[in-house]
C-alpha atoms as a PDB file:
ATOM      1  CA  ASP A   1    -109.488 -73.686 136.432  1.00  0.00           C
ATOM      2  CA  VAL A   2    -109.608 -71.006 133.763  1.00  0.00           C
ATOM      3  CA  PRO A   3    -112.230 -72.709 131.532  1.00  0.00           C
ATOM      4  CA  SER A   4    -114.722 -72.919 134.435  1.00  0.00           C
ATOM      5  CA  TRP A   5    -114.027 -69.311 135.370  1.00  0.00           C
ATOM      6  CA  LEU A   6    -114.631 -68.217 131.762  1.00  0.00           C
ATOM      7  CA  LYS A   7    -117.830 -70.248 131.704  1.00  0.00           C
ATOM      8  CA  SER A   8    -119.030 -68.492 134.875  1.00  0.00           C
ATOM      9  CA  LEU A   9    -118.455 -65.216 133.010  1.00  0.00           C
ATOM     10  CA  ARG A  10    -120.244 -66.585 129.931  1.00  0.00           C
ATOM     11  CA  LEU A  11    -117.006 -66.187 127.975  1.00  0.00           C
ATOM     12  CA  HIS A  12    -116.193 -69.881 127.544  1.00  0.00           C
ATOM     13  CA  LYS A  13    -115.774 -69.490 123.788  1.00  0.00           C
ATOM     14  CA  TYR A  14    -112.403 -67.841 124.567  1.00  0.00           C
ATOM     15  CA  ALA A  15    -111.097 -70.813 126.566  1.00  0.00           C
ATOM     16  CA  ALA A  16    -108.799 -71.854 123.688  1.00  0.00           C
ATOM     17  CA  LEU A  17    -107.172 -68.411 123.684  1.00  0.00           C
ATOM     18  CA  PHE A  18    -106.492 -68.635 127.422  1.00  0.00           C
ATOM     19  CA  SER A  19    -105.173 -72.188 127.185  1.00  0.00           C
ATOM     20  CA  GLN A  20    -102.260 -70.796 125.148  1.00  0.00           C
ATOM     21  CA  MET A  21    -101.001 -68.514 127.939  1.00  0.00           C
ATOM     22  CA  THR A  22     -99.508 -68.740 131.394  1.00  0.00           C
ATOM     23  CA  TYR A  23    -101.202 -67.417 134.509  1.00  0.00           C
ATOM     24  CA  GLU A  24     -98.813 -64.445 134.542  1.00  0.00           C
ATOM     25  CA  GLU A  25     -99.623 -63.619 130.909  1.00  0.00           C
ATOM     26  CA  MET A  26    -103.344 -63.837 131.670  1.00  0.00           C
ATOM     27  CA  MET A  27    -102.970 -61.462 134.618  1.00  0.00           C
ATOM     28  CA  THR A  28    -101.295 -58.832 132.404  1.00  0.00           C
ATOM     29  CA  LEU A  29    -103.797 -58.971 129.527  1.00  0.00           C
ATOM     30  CA  THR A  30    -104.996 -55.663 128.179  1.00  0.00           C
ATOM     31  CA  GLU A  31    -107.933 -54.792 125.968  1.00  0.00           C
ATOM     32  CA  ARG A  32    -105.428 -53.959 123.213  1.00  0.00           C
ATOM     33  CA  HIS A  33    -103.923 -57.460 123.378  1.00  0.00           C
ATOM     34  CA  LEU A  34    -107.385 -59.026 123.373  1.00  0.00           C
ATOM     35  CA  GLU A  35    -108.335 -56.904 120.355  1.00  0.00           C
ATOM     36  CA  SER A  36    -105.297 -58.249 118.491  1.00  0.00           C
ATOM     37  CA  GLN A  37    -106.657 -61.736 119.212  1.00  0.00           C
ATOM     38  CA  ASN A  38    -110.016 -60.830 117.597  1.00  0.00           C
ATOM     39  CA  VAL A  39    -111.965 -60.771 120.871  1.00  0.00           C
ATOM     40  CA  THR A  40    -115.191 -58.782 120.507  1.00  0.00           C
ATOM     41  CA  LYS A  41    -115.387 -55.333 122.122  1.00  0.00           C
ATOM     42  CA  GLY A  42    -117.902 -56.342 124.807  1.00  0.00           C
ATOM     43  CA  ALA A  43    -115.969 -59.494 125.695  1.00  0.00           C
ATOM     44  CA  ARG A  44    -112.684 -57.541 125.809  1.00  0.00           C
ATOM     45  CA  HIS A  45    -114.158 -55.124 128.297  1.00  0.00           C
ATOM     46  CA  LYS A  46    -115.669 -57.885 130.428  1.00  0.00           C
ATOM     47  CA  ILE A  47    -112.400 -59.861 130.441  1.00  0.00           C
ATOM     48  CA  ALA A  48    -110.365 -56.763 131.358  1.00  0.00           C
ATOM     49  CA  LEU A  49    -112.721 -55.960 134.261  1.00  0.00           C
ATOM     50  CA  SER A  50    -112.652 -59.577 135.430  1.00  0.00           C
ATOM     51  CA  ILE A  51    -108.849 -59.677 135.384  1.00  0.00           C
ATOM     52  CA  GLN A  52    -108.772 -56.434 137.359  1.00  0.00           C
ATOM     53  CA  LYS A  53    -110.967 -58.155 139.976  1.00  0.00           C
ATOM     54  CA  LEU A  54    -108.486 -61.055 140.038  1.00  0.00           C
ATOM     55  CA  ARG A  55    -105.697 -58.584 140.810  1.00  0.00           C
ATOM     56  CA  GLU A  56    -107.760 -57.151 143.690  1.00  0.00           C
ATOM     57  CA  ARG A  57    -108.497 -60.484 145.401  1.00  0.00           C
ATOM     58  CA  GLN A  58    -105.810 -60.181 148.049  1.00  0.00           C
ATOM     59  CA  SER A  59    -107.013 -56.769 149.221  1.00  0.00           C
ATOM     60  CA  VAL A  60    -110.602 -58.059 149.169  1.00  0.00           C
ATOM     61  CA  LEU A  61    -109.536 -61.009 151.337  1.00  0.00           C
ATOM     62  CA  ARG A  62    -107.706 -58.708 153.759  1.00  0.00           C
ATOM     63  CA  ALA A  63    -110.822 -56.541 154.037  1.00  0.00           C
ATOM     64  CA  LEU A  64    -112.969 -59.638 154.635  1.00  0.00           C
ATOM     65  CA  GLU A  65    -110.630 -60.780 157.405  1.00  0.00           C
ATOM     66  CA  LYS A  66    -110.821 -57.377 159.077  1.00  0.00           C
ATOM     67  CA  ASP A  67    -114.609 -57.284 158.705  1.00  0.00           C
ATOM     68  CA  ILE A  68    -115.003 -60.740 160.256  1.00  0.00           C
ATOM     69  CA  LEU A  69    -112.714 -59.836 163.175  1.00  0.00           C
ATOM     70  CA  GLU A  70    -114.837 -56.737 163.787  1.00  0.00           C
ATOM     71  CA  GLY A  71    -118.028 -58.815 163.936  1.00  0.00           C
ATOM     72  CA  GLY A  72    -119.152 -58.355 160.338  1.00  0.00           C
ATOM     73  CA  ASN A  73    -121.650 -60.503 158.476  1.00  0.00           C
ATOM     74  CA  VAL A  74    -120.172 -63.998 158.099  1.00  0.00           C
ATOM     75  CA  TRP A  75    -122.758 -64.981 155.484  1.00  0.00           C
ATOM     76  CA  SER A  76    -121.748 -62.211 153.081  1.00  0.00           C
ATOM     77  CA  ALA A  77    -118.070 -63.047 153.680  1.00  0.00           C
ATOM     78  CA  LEU A  78    -118.757 -66.686 152.799  1.00  0.00           C
ATOM     79  CA  GLN A  79    -120.533 -65.616 149.608  1.00  0.00           C
ATOM     80  CA  GLU A  80    -117.524 -63.488 148.646  1.00  0.00           C
ATOM     81  CA  LEU A  81    -115.187 -66.413 149.397  1.00  0.00           C
ATOM     82  CA  GLN A  82    -117.325 -68.670 147.224  1.00  0.00           C
ATOM     83  CA  GLN A  83    -116.957 -66.218 144.330  1.00  0.00           C
ATOM     84  CA  ILE A  84    -113.174 -66.195 144.783  1.00  0.00           C
ATOM     85  CA  LEU A  85    -113.090 -70.002 144.723  1.00  0.00           C
ATOM     86  CA  VAL A  86    -114.358 -70.090 141.129  1.00  0.00           C
ATOM     87  CA  THR A  87    -111.532 -67.846 139.937  1.00  0.00           C
ATOM     88  CA  PRO A  88    -108.158 -69.110 138.712  1.00  0.00           C
ATOM     89  CA  ILE A  89    -105.776 -69.239 141.681  1.00  0.00           C
ATOM     90  CA  LYS A  90    -102.101 -69.960 141.214  1.00  0.00           C
ATOM     91  CA  ALA A  91    -100.227 -71.918 143.863  1.00  0.00           C
ATOM     92  CA  PHE A  92     -97.943 -69.641 145.861  1.00  0.00           C
ATOM     93  CA  ARG A  93     -94.260 -70.455 146.120  1.00  0.00           C
ATOM     94  CA  PRO A  94     -92.412 -68.128 148.481  1.00  0.00           C
ATOM     95  CA  PRO A  95     -88.879 -67.151 147.593  1.00  0.00           C
ATOM     96  CA  PRO A  96     -86.263 -69.276 149.377  1.00  0.00           C
ATOM     97  CA  ALA A  97     -85.588 -67.917 152.838  1.00  0.00           C
ATOM     98  CA  ALA A  98     -82.118 -67.175 154.099  1.00  0.00           C
ATOM     99  CA  PRO A  99     -81.052 -69.282 157.080  1.00  0.00           C
ATOM    100  CA  PRO A 100     -81.606 -67.500 160.387  1.00  0.00           C
ATOM    101  CA  PRO A 101     -78.497 -65.731 161.592  1.00  0.00           C
ATOM    102  CA  GLY A 102     -76.682 -67.516 164.389  1.00  0.00           C
ATOM    103  CA  PRO A 103     -75.075 -65.821 167.350  1.00  0.00           C
ATOM    104  CA  PRO A 104     -71.837 -64.055 166.447  1.00  0.00           C
ATOM    105  CA  ASP A 105     -69.859 -66.004 169.068  1.00  0.00           C
ATOM    106  CA  GLY A 106     -70.446 -69.366 167.404  1.00  0.00           C
ATOM    107  CA  THR A 107     -72.930 -70.612 170.021  1.00  0.00           C
ATOM    108  CA  PRO A 108     -74.984 -73.391 168.441  1.00  0.00           C
ATOM    109  CA  PRO A 109     -78.477 -72.353 167.317  1.00  0.00           C
ATOM    110  CA  GLY A 110     -81.101 -73.098 169.952  1.00  0.00           C
ATOM    111  CA  ALA A 111     -78.682 -72.692 172.872  1.00  0.00           C
ATOM    112  CA  THR A 112     -80.236 -70.580 175.605  1.00  0.00           C
ATOM    113  CA  ASP A 113     -78.821 -67.436 177.056  1.00  0.00           C
ATOM    114  CA  ALA A 114     -79.025 -67.083 180.837  1.00  0.00           C
ATOM    115  CA  PHE A 115     -80.079 -63.457 180.409  1.00  0.00           C
ATOM    116  CA  ALA A 116     -82.690 -64.098 177.697  1.00  0.00           C
ATOM    117  CA  ALA A 117     -86.317 -63.370 178.461  1.00  0.00           C
ATOM    118  CA  PRO A 118     -88.254 -66.485 179.485  1.00  0.00           C
ATOM    119  CA  PRO A 119     -90.755 -67.930 177.011  1.00  0.00           C
ATOM    120  CA  HIS A 120     -94.336 -66.709 177.294  1.00  0.00           C
ATOM    121  CA  PRO A 121     -96.370 -68.739 179.768  1.00  0.00           C
ATOM    122  CA  ALA A 122     -99.105 -71.008 178.478  1.00  0.00           C
ATOM    123  CA  GLY A 123    -102.430 -69.277 178.117  1.00  0.00           C
ATOM    124  CA  ASP A 124    -100.835 -65.963 177.262  1.00  0.00           C
ATOM    125  CA  THR A 125    -102.406 -64.172 174.313  1.00  0.00           C
ATOM    126  CA  GLU A 126    -101.047 -65.366 171.025  1.00  0.00           C
ATOM    127  CA  ALA A 127     -98.820 -63.131 168.993  1.00  0.00           C
ATOM    128  CA  PRO A 128    -100.407 -61.462 165.988  1.00  0.00           C
ATOM    129  CA  ALA A 129    -100.106 -63.588 162.873  1.00  0.00           C
ATOM    130  CA  ALA A 130     -97.471 -62.566 160.371  1.00  0.00           C
ATOM    131  CA  PRO A 131     -98.870 -60.816 157.306  1.00  0.00           C
ATOM    132  CA  VAL A 132     -99.537 -63.011 154.301  1.00  0.00           C
ATOM    133  CA  PRO A 133     -97.048 -62.212 151.505  1.00  0.00           C
ATOM    134  CA  ASP A 134     -98.339 -60.363 148.457  1.00  0.00           C
ATOM    135  CA  GLY A 135     -99.480 -62.809 145.812  1.00  0.00           C
ATOM    136  CA  ASP A 136    -100.325 -65.581 148.281  1.00  0.00           C
ATOM    137  CA  ILE A 137    -104.034 -65.795 147.483  1.00  0.00           C
ATOM    138  CA  PRO A 138    -104.353 -69.375 148.843  1.00  0.00           C
ATOM    139  CA  GLY A 139    -102.699 -68.346 152.117  1.00  0.00           C
ATOM    140  CA  GLN A 140    -104.886 -65.273 152.510  1.00  0.00           C
ATOM    141  CA  PHE A 141    -107.997 -67.303 151.656  1.00  0.00           C
ATOM    142  CA  THR A 142    -107.069 -69.940 154.248  1.00  0.00           C
ATOM    143  CA  ARG A 143    -106.423 -67.256 156.843  1.00  0.00           C
ATOM    144  CA  VAL A 144    -109.876 -65.736 156.290  1.00  0.00           C
ATOM    145  CA  MET A 145    -111.489 -69.150 156.542  1.00  0.00           C
ATOM    146  CA  GLY A 146    -109.683 -69.673 159.856  1.00  0.00           C
ATOM    147  CA  LYS A 147    -111.303 -66.571 161.286  1.00  0.00           C
END
């Protein structure tokens, strides 16, 4: 919700300018481009800093996750998460995955091998979660909330 985000920055008068561009275009804005659109010097600087913060959200979320796991202050993490919620967040669409490779001998997928290691018993510690792909702000946000 770009207009609400701009309003939170007290830059809502530029909402029409942002409505003309895609999320990707917004994320690559420079002060020079904003100047060509007749954005005032102070607003240009504030917008450029704010977009830089948007680019840093994933690393901020990763740091929050680590801090929470190490017993950090949950209240300050929640405040940071609340600030991220008012920023424009694009839905993440991962690239199509290749099908998992099957055994070279043509054994159907899912068939067991007599020499394969047995599955982990119930109650065993869970495997570490796979890293969230770069650009998946919603996934990283959800992961932090789960902690």
